[in-house]
C-alpha atoms as a PDB file:
ATOM      1  CA  MET A   1     109.193  89.034  40.802  1.00  0.00           C
ATOM      2  CA  LYS A   2     112.607  90.505  41.600  1.00  0.00           C
ATOM      3  CA  TYR A   3     111.212  94.043  41.314  1.00  0.00           C
ATOM      4  CA  VAL A   4     108.209  93.204  43.491  1.00  0.00           C
ATOM      5  CA  ASN A   5     110.536  91.946  46.230  1.00  0.00           C
ATOM      6  CA  ILE A   6     112.692  95.083  45.970  1.00  0.00           C
ATOM      7  CA  LEU A   7     109.581  97.293  46.164  1.00  0.00           C
ATOM      8  CA  CYS A   8     108.393  95.385  49.243  1.00  0.00           C
ATOM      9  CA  VAL A   9     111.753  95.824  50.977  1.00  0.00           C
ATOM     10  CA  ILE A  10     111.839  99.539  50.130  1.00  0.00           C
ATOM     11  CA  SER A  11     108.242  99.981  51.311  1.00  0.00           C
ATOM     12  CA  LEU A  12     108.970  98.233  54.616  1.00  0.00           C
ATOM     13  CA  ALA A  13     112.107 100.313  55.140  1.00  0.00           C
ATOM     14  CA  LEU A  14     110.220 103.542  54.473  1.00  0.00           C
ATOM     15  CA  LEU A  15     107.407 102.505  56.782  1.00  0.00           C
ATOM     16  CA  ALA A  16     109.821 101.578  59.574  1.00  0.00           C
ATOM     17  CA  SER A  17     111.744 104.845  59.244  1.00  0.00           C
ATOM     18  CA  SER A  18     108.554 106.947  59.246  1.00  0.00           C
ATOM     19  CA  VAL A  19     107.318 105.208  62.412  1.00  0.00           C
ATOM     20  CA  SER A  20     110.713 105.730  64.035  1.00  0.00           C
ATOM     21  CA  LEU A  21     110.774 109.415  63.072  1.00  0.00           C
ATOM     22  CA  ALA A  22     107.241 109.912  64.374  1.00  0.00           C
ATOM     23  CA  GLN A  23     108.218 108.363  67.703  1.00  0.00           C
ATOM     24  CA  GLU A  24     111.332 110.538  67.908  1.00  0.00           C
ATOM     25  CA  ASP A  25     109.321 113.655  67.107  1.00  0.00           C
ATOM     26  CA  ALA A  26     106.744 112.825  69.780  1.00  0.00           C
ATOM     27  CA  GLY A  27     109.245 111.786  72.435  1.00  0.00           C
ATOM     28  CA  ASN A  28     112.241 114.038  71.880  1.00  0.00           C
ATOM     29  CA  ALA A  29     110.898 117.280  70.480  1.00  0.00           C
ATOM     30  CA  THR A  30     110.621 118.824  73.914  1.00  0.00           C
ATOM     31  CA  MET A  31     112.933 116.622  75.944  1.00  0.00           C
ATOM     32  CA  VAL A  32     115.788 118.523  77.459  1.00  0.00           C
ATOM     33  CA  SER A  33     119.025 117.313  78.942  1.00  0.00           C
ATOM     34  CA  ILE A  34     119.972 117.117  82.559  1.00  0.00           C
ATOM     35  CA  PRO A  35     122.921 119.284  83.561  1.00  0.00           C
ATOM     36  CA  THR A  36     126.243 117.442  83.665  1.00  0.00           C
ATOM     37  CA  GLU A  37     128.686 120.363  83.667  1.00  0.00           C
ATOM     38  CA  ASN A  38     128.935 123.755  85.369  1.00  0.00           C
ATOM     39  CA  LEU A  39     127.161 122.378  88.421  1.00  0.00           C
ATOM     40  CA  PRO A  40     126.923 124.318  91.672  1.00  0.00           C
ATOM     41  CA  GLU A  41     129.900 123.932  93.971  1.00  0.00           C
ATOM     42  CA  GLY A  42     129.753 120.678  95.904  1.00  0.00           C
ATOM     43  CA  PHE A  43     127.698 118.694  93.360  1.00  0.00           C
ATOM     44  CA  ASP A  44     129.287 116.180  91.013  1.00  0.00           C
ATOM     45  CA  PHE A  45     127.523 114.382  88.176  1.00  0.00           C
ATOM     46  CA  LEU A  46     127.507 110.628  88.771  1.00  0.00           C
ATOM     47  CA  ALA A  47     125.155 108.998  86.243  1.00  0.00           C
ATOM     48  CA  GLU A  48     122.180 109.387  83.947  1.00  0.00           C
ATOM     49  CA  LYS A  49     119.257 106.986  83.679  1.00  0.00           C
ATOM     50  CA  ASN A  50     116.720 106.890  80.860  1.00  0.00           C
ATOM     51  CA  ALA A  51     114.668 104.335  78.940  1.00  0.00           C
ATOM     52  CA  SER A  52     117.742 103.117  77.041  1.00  0.00           C
ATOM     53  CA  THR A  53     119.895 102.566  80.159  1.00  0.00           C
ATOM     54  CA  ALA A  54     120.617  98.846  80.529  1.00  0.00           C
ATOM     55  CA  GLY A  55     118.968  97.292  83.562  1.00  0.00           C
ATOM     56  CA  VAL A  56     116.797 100.333  84.313  1.00  0.00           C
ATOM     57  CA  ASN A  57     113.015 100.291  84.285  1.00  0.00           C
ATOM     58  CA  ILE A  58     112.405 104.013  83.801  1.00  0.00           C
ATOM     59  CA  THR A  59     108.732 103.603  84.721  1.00  0.00           C
ATOM     60  CA  GLU A  60     109.828 102.496  88.192  1.00  0.00           C
ATOM     61  CA  GLU A  61     112.056 105.565  88.414  1.00  0.00           C
ATOM     62  CA  ILE A  62     109.090 107.882  87.820  1.00  0.00           C
ATOM     63  CA  ILE A  63     106.325 105.868  89.527  1.00  0.00           C
ATOM     64  CA  ASP A  64     105.585 108.726  91.956  1.00  0.00           C
ATOM     65  CA  PHE A  65     104.268 110.862  89.077  1.00  0.00           C
ATOM     66  CA  TYR A  66     101.491 108.376  88.300  1.00  0.00           C
ATOM     67  CA  GLY A  67      98.282 108.563  90.278  1.00  0.00           C
ATOM     68  CA  ASP A  68      94.659 109.587  90.069  1.00  0.00           C
ATOM     69  CA  GLU A  69      95.314 112.027  87.229  1.00  0.00           C
ATOM     70  CA  ASP A  70      96.336 110.690  83.807  1.00  0.00           C
ATOM     71  CA  ILE A  71      99.748 111.855  82.599  1.00  0.00           C
ATOM     72  CA  GLY A  72      99.859 109.900  79.339  1.00  0.00           C
ATOM     73  CA  PRO A  73     103.130 108.586  77.921  1.00  0.00           C
ATOM     74  CA  ALA A  74     106.280 110.014  79.488  1.00  0.00           C
ATOM     75  CA  ASN A  75     109.827 110.405  78.259  1.00  0.00           C
ATOM     76  CA  ALA A  76     112.037 110.593  81.355  1.00  0.00           C
ATOM     77  CA  THR A  77     115.646 111.210  82.256  1.00  0.00           C
ATOM     78  CA  VAL A  78     117.078 111.019  85.768  1.00  0.00           C
ATOM     79  CA  GLY A  79     120.402 112.585  86.643  1.00  0.00           C
ATOM     80  CA  ILE A  80     122.203 111.431  89.771  1.00  0.00           C
ATOM     81  CA  TYR A  81     124.600 113.718  91.600  1.00  0.00           C
ATOM     82  CA  THR A  82     126.848 113.267  94.612  1.00  0.00           C
ATOM     83  CA  TRP A  83     127.287 116.027  97.157  1.00  0.00           C
ATOM     84  CA  ALA A  84     128.973 114.025  99.895  1.00  0.00           C
ATOM     85  CA  PRO A  85     131.472 111.182  99.707  1.00  0.00           C
ATOM     86  CA  ILE A  86     129.901 108.181  97.977  1.00  0.00           C
ATOM     87  CA  GLY A  87     128.224 105.880 100.469  1.00  0.00           C
ATOM     88  CA  GLU A  88     128.092 108.454 103.266  1.00  0.00           C
ATOM     89  CA  SER A  89     124.842 110.135 102.298  1.00  0.00           C
ATOM     90  CA  TYR A  90     121.963 110.036  99.836  1.00  0.00           C
ATOM     91  CA  ASP A  91     122.427 111.233  96.262  1.00  0.00           C
ATOM     92  CA  ALA A  92     120.831 114.336  94.806  1.00  0.00           C
ATOM     93  CA  LYS A  93     118.708 113.809  91.686  1.00  0.00           C
ATOM     94  CA  ILE A  94     117.185 115.744  88.849  1.00  0.00           C
ATOM     95  CA  THR A  95     114.253 114.106  87.094  1.00  0.00           C
ATOM     96  CA  LEU A  96     112.962 115.537  83.822  1.00  0.00           C
ATOM     97  CA  LEU A  97     109.663 114.274  82.488  1.00  0.00           C
ATOM     98  CA  SER A  98     108.577 115.256  78.989  1.00  0.00           C
ATOM     99  CA  LEU A  99     104.847 114.801  78.521  1.00  0.00           C
ATOM    100  CA  GLU A 100     102.487 115.465  75.621  1.00  0.00           C
ATOM    101  CA  ASP A 101     101.177 118.784  76.934  1.00  0.00           C
ATOM    102  CA  GLU A 102     101.147 121.183  79.855  1.00  0.00           C
ATOM    103  CA  GLU A 103      97.890 119.749  81.203  1.00  0.00           C
ATOM    104  CA  GLN A 104      99.544 116.350  81.659  1.00  0.00           C
ATOM    105  CA  ALA A 105     102.555 118.052  83.264  1.00  0.00           C
ATOM    106  CA  MET A 106     100.240 119.672  85.804  1.00  0.00           C
ATOM    107  CA  ALA A 107      98.612 116.271  86.409  1.00  0.00           C
ATOM    108  CA  ALA A 108     102.031 114.711  87.090  1.00  0.00           C
ATOM    109  CA  ILE A 109     102.826 117.472  89.592  1.00  0.00           C
ATOM    110  CA  SER A 110      99.468 116.990  91.311  1.00  0.00           C
ATOM    111  CA  ASN A 111     100.034 113.224  91.541  1.00  0.00           C
ATOM    112  CA  TYR A 112     103.498 113.734  93.039  1.00  0.00           C
ATOM    113  CA  LYS A 113     102.322 116.248  95.628  1.00  0.00           C
ATOM    114  CA  SER A 114      99.516 113.836  96.602  1.00  0.00           C
ATOM    115  CA  LEU A 115     101.898 111.096  97.714  1.00  0.00           C
ATOM    116  CA  PRO A 116     100.889 109.624 101.098  1.00  0.00           C
ATOM    117  CA  GLU A 117     104.261 110.522 102.659  1.00  0.00           C
ATOM    118  CA  PHE A 118     103.498 114.189 102.016  1.00  0.00           C
ATOM    119  CA  GLU A 119     100.180 114.212 103.923  1.00  0.00           C
ATOM    120  CA  ASN A 120     101.791 115.299 107.186  1.00  0.00           C
ATOM    121  CA  PRO A 121     104.540 117.810 107.934  1.00  0.00           C
ATOM    122  CA  PRO A 122     108.080 116.406 107.992  1.00  0.00           C
ATOM    123  CA  TYR A 123     108.508 117.603 111.596  1.00  0.00           C
ATOM    124  CA  ARG A 124     106.241 119.394 114.040  1.00  0.00           C
ATOM    125  CA  GLY A 125     106.099 123.087 113.201  1.00  0.00           C
ATOM    126  CA  ILE A 126     107.644 122.682 109.709  1.00  0.00           C
ATOM    127  CA  ASP A 127     105.383 123.172 106.693  1.00  0.00           C
ATOM    128  CA  ARG A 128     105.664 120.476 104.031  1.00  0.00           C
ATOM    129  CA  PHE A 129     105.200 122.799 101.037  1.00  0.00           C
ATOM    130  CA  SER A 130     106.224 126.313 100.176  1.00  0.00           C
ATOM    131  CA  THR A 131     106.356 128.363  96.976  1.00  0.00           C
ATOM    132  CA  VAL A 132     109.631 129.626  95.500  1.00  0.00           C
ATOM    133  CA  THR A 133     110.826 130.935  92.145  1.00  0.00           C
ATOM    134  CA  ILE A 134     113.255 128.845  90.074  1.00  0.00           C
ATOM    135  CA  ASN A 135     114.507 130.245  86.752  1.00  0.00           C
ATOM    136  CA  GLY A 136     111.499 132.570  86.596  1.00  0.00           C
ATOM    137  CA  HIS A 137     108.969 129.789  87.236  1.00  0.00           C
ATOM    138  CA  GLU A 138     106.820 129.314  90.298  1.00  0.00           C
ATOM    139  CA  ALA A 139     107.966 126.095  91.928  1.00  0.00           C
ATOM    140  CA  THR A 140     106.929 124.066  94.935  1.00  0.00           C
ATOM    141  CA  GLU A 141     109.558 123.606  97.609  1.00  0.00           C
ATOM    142  CA  ILE A 142     109.004 120.303  99.370  1.00  0.00           C
ATOM    143  CA  ARG A 143     110.622 119.702 102.724  1.00  0.00           C
ATOM    144  CA  ASP A 144     111.350 116.044 103.323  1.00  0.00           C
ATOM    145  CA  ALA A 145     112.638 114.426 106.517  1.00  0.00           C
ATOM    146  CA  THR A 146     115.940 112.592 106.040  1.00  0.00           C
ATOM    147  CA  GLY A 147     115.679 110.401 109.120  1.00  0.00           C
ATOM    148  CA  ASP A 148     118.486 112.136 110.995  1.00  0.00           C
ATOM    149  CA  ASN A 149     116.345 115.064 112.187  1.00  0.00           C
ATOM    150  CA  ASP A 150     117.328 117.077 109.138  1.00  0.00           C
ATOM    151  CA  LEU A 151     115.424 118.298 106.092  1.00  0.00           C
ATOM    152  CA  ARG A 152     116.080 117.592 102.459  1.00  0.00           C
ATOM    153  CA  PHE A 153     114.882 120.213  99.976  1.00  0.00           C
ATOM    154  CA  LEU A 154     113.051 119.184  96.816  1.00  0.00           C
ATOM    155  CA  TYR A 155     111.830 121.491  94.058  1.00  0.00           C
ATOM    156  CA  LEU A 156     108.991 120.649  91.675  1.00  0.00           C
ATOM    157  CA  TRP A 157     107.712 122.706  88.744  1.00  0.00           C
ATOM    158  CA  ASN A 158     106.905 122.563  85.077  1.00  0.00           C
ATOM    159  CA  ASN A 159     108.129 124.467  82.070  1.00  0.00           C
ATOM    160  CA  GLY A 160     105.373 123.863  79.551  1.00  0.00           C
ATOM    161  CA  ASN A 161     105.073 120.122  79.081  1.00  0.00           C
ATOM    162  CA  VAL A 162     108.330 119.350  80.939  1.00  0.00           C
ATOM    163  CA  VAL A 163     108.132 118.485  84.643  1.00  0.00           C
ATOM    164  CA  VAL A 164     111.241 119.116  86.714  1.00  0.00           C
ATOM    165  CA  LEU A 165     111.899 117.476  90.088  1.00  0.00           C
ATOM    166  CA  VAL A 166     115.124 118.372  91.861  1.00  0.00           C
ATOM    167  CA  GLU A 167     115.889 116.317  94.959  1.00  0.00           C
ATOM    168  CA  GLY A 168     118.609 118.313  96.650  1.00  0.00           C
ATOM    169  CA  ASN A 169     120.337 117.968  99.973  1.00  0.00           C
ATOM    170  CA  SER A 170     119.938 119.451 103.450  1.00  0.00           C
ATOM    171  CA  ASP A 171     121.289 122.860 102.418  1.00  0.00           C
ATOM    172  CA  ARG A 172     118.467 124.980 101.002  1.00  0.00           C
ATOM    173  CA  ASP A 173     120.727 127.358  99.066  1.00  0.00           C
ATOM    174  CA  ASP A 174     122.745 124.508  97.525  1.00  0.00           C
ATOM    175  CA  SER A 175     119.549 122.694  96.576  1.00  0.00           C
ATOM    176  CA  MET A 176     118.099 125.813  94.940  1.00  0.00           C
ATOM    177  CA  ASN A 177     121.362 126.315  93.051  1.00  0.00           C
ATOM    178  CA  LEU A 178     121.097 122.760  91.723  1.00  0.00           C
ATOM    179  CA  ALA A 179     117.505 123.473  90.668  1.00  0.00           C
ATOM    180  CA  ASN A 180     118.648 126.650  88.893  1.00  0.00           C
ATOM    181  CA  ALA A 181     121.347 124.632  87.069  1.00  0.00           C
ATOM    182  CA  THR A 182     118.593 122.930  85.050  1.00  0.00           C
ATOM    183  CA  GLY A 183     118.023 126.178  83.159  1.00  0.00           C
ATOM    184  CA  LEU A 184     114.320 125.350  83.055  1.00  0.00           C
END
């Protein structure tokens, strides 16, 4: 009986570790890190949010990527950066979404670009979307109104199954430099 109990414990431990390894392989194999060092001048790393961050519902952080098109399970990390004194302006963010395949990454991008707030231009005479190149990838530049008659520049693209969203500031060059800092 003693040996049966030992075999059961060993079997359960092996089963639990194989499930854990399978989850890690599926979720982390292609997940990349947000930049925390060597940031463009003016940006400072403030915090990182992911599924293991206490008090954070990561699904709420990436809700804008869900929509009509199925993106499947997502492994997400959000980096928060300051570019102005804390409390005086909005933060810049980098969101990395690791999905199962490139098709789901394209679906996430389509869902994001289909948000109701993007239906109209941010201001009369200003296009909402444009195409730029970030780290050798075609990316969508999104111009977003900040409420003080200024624009905020966002960049959205995928590198394989990883979706990258960079929410910069009102300086286009600075925002593109932050996007380039991802290395993706």
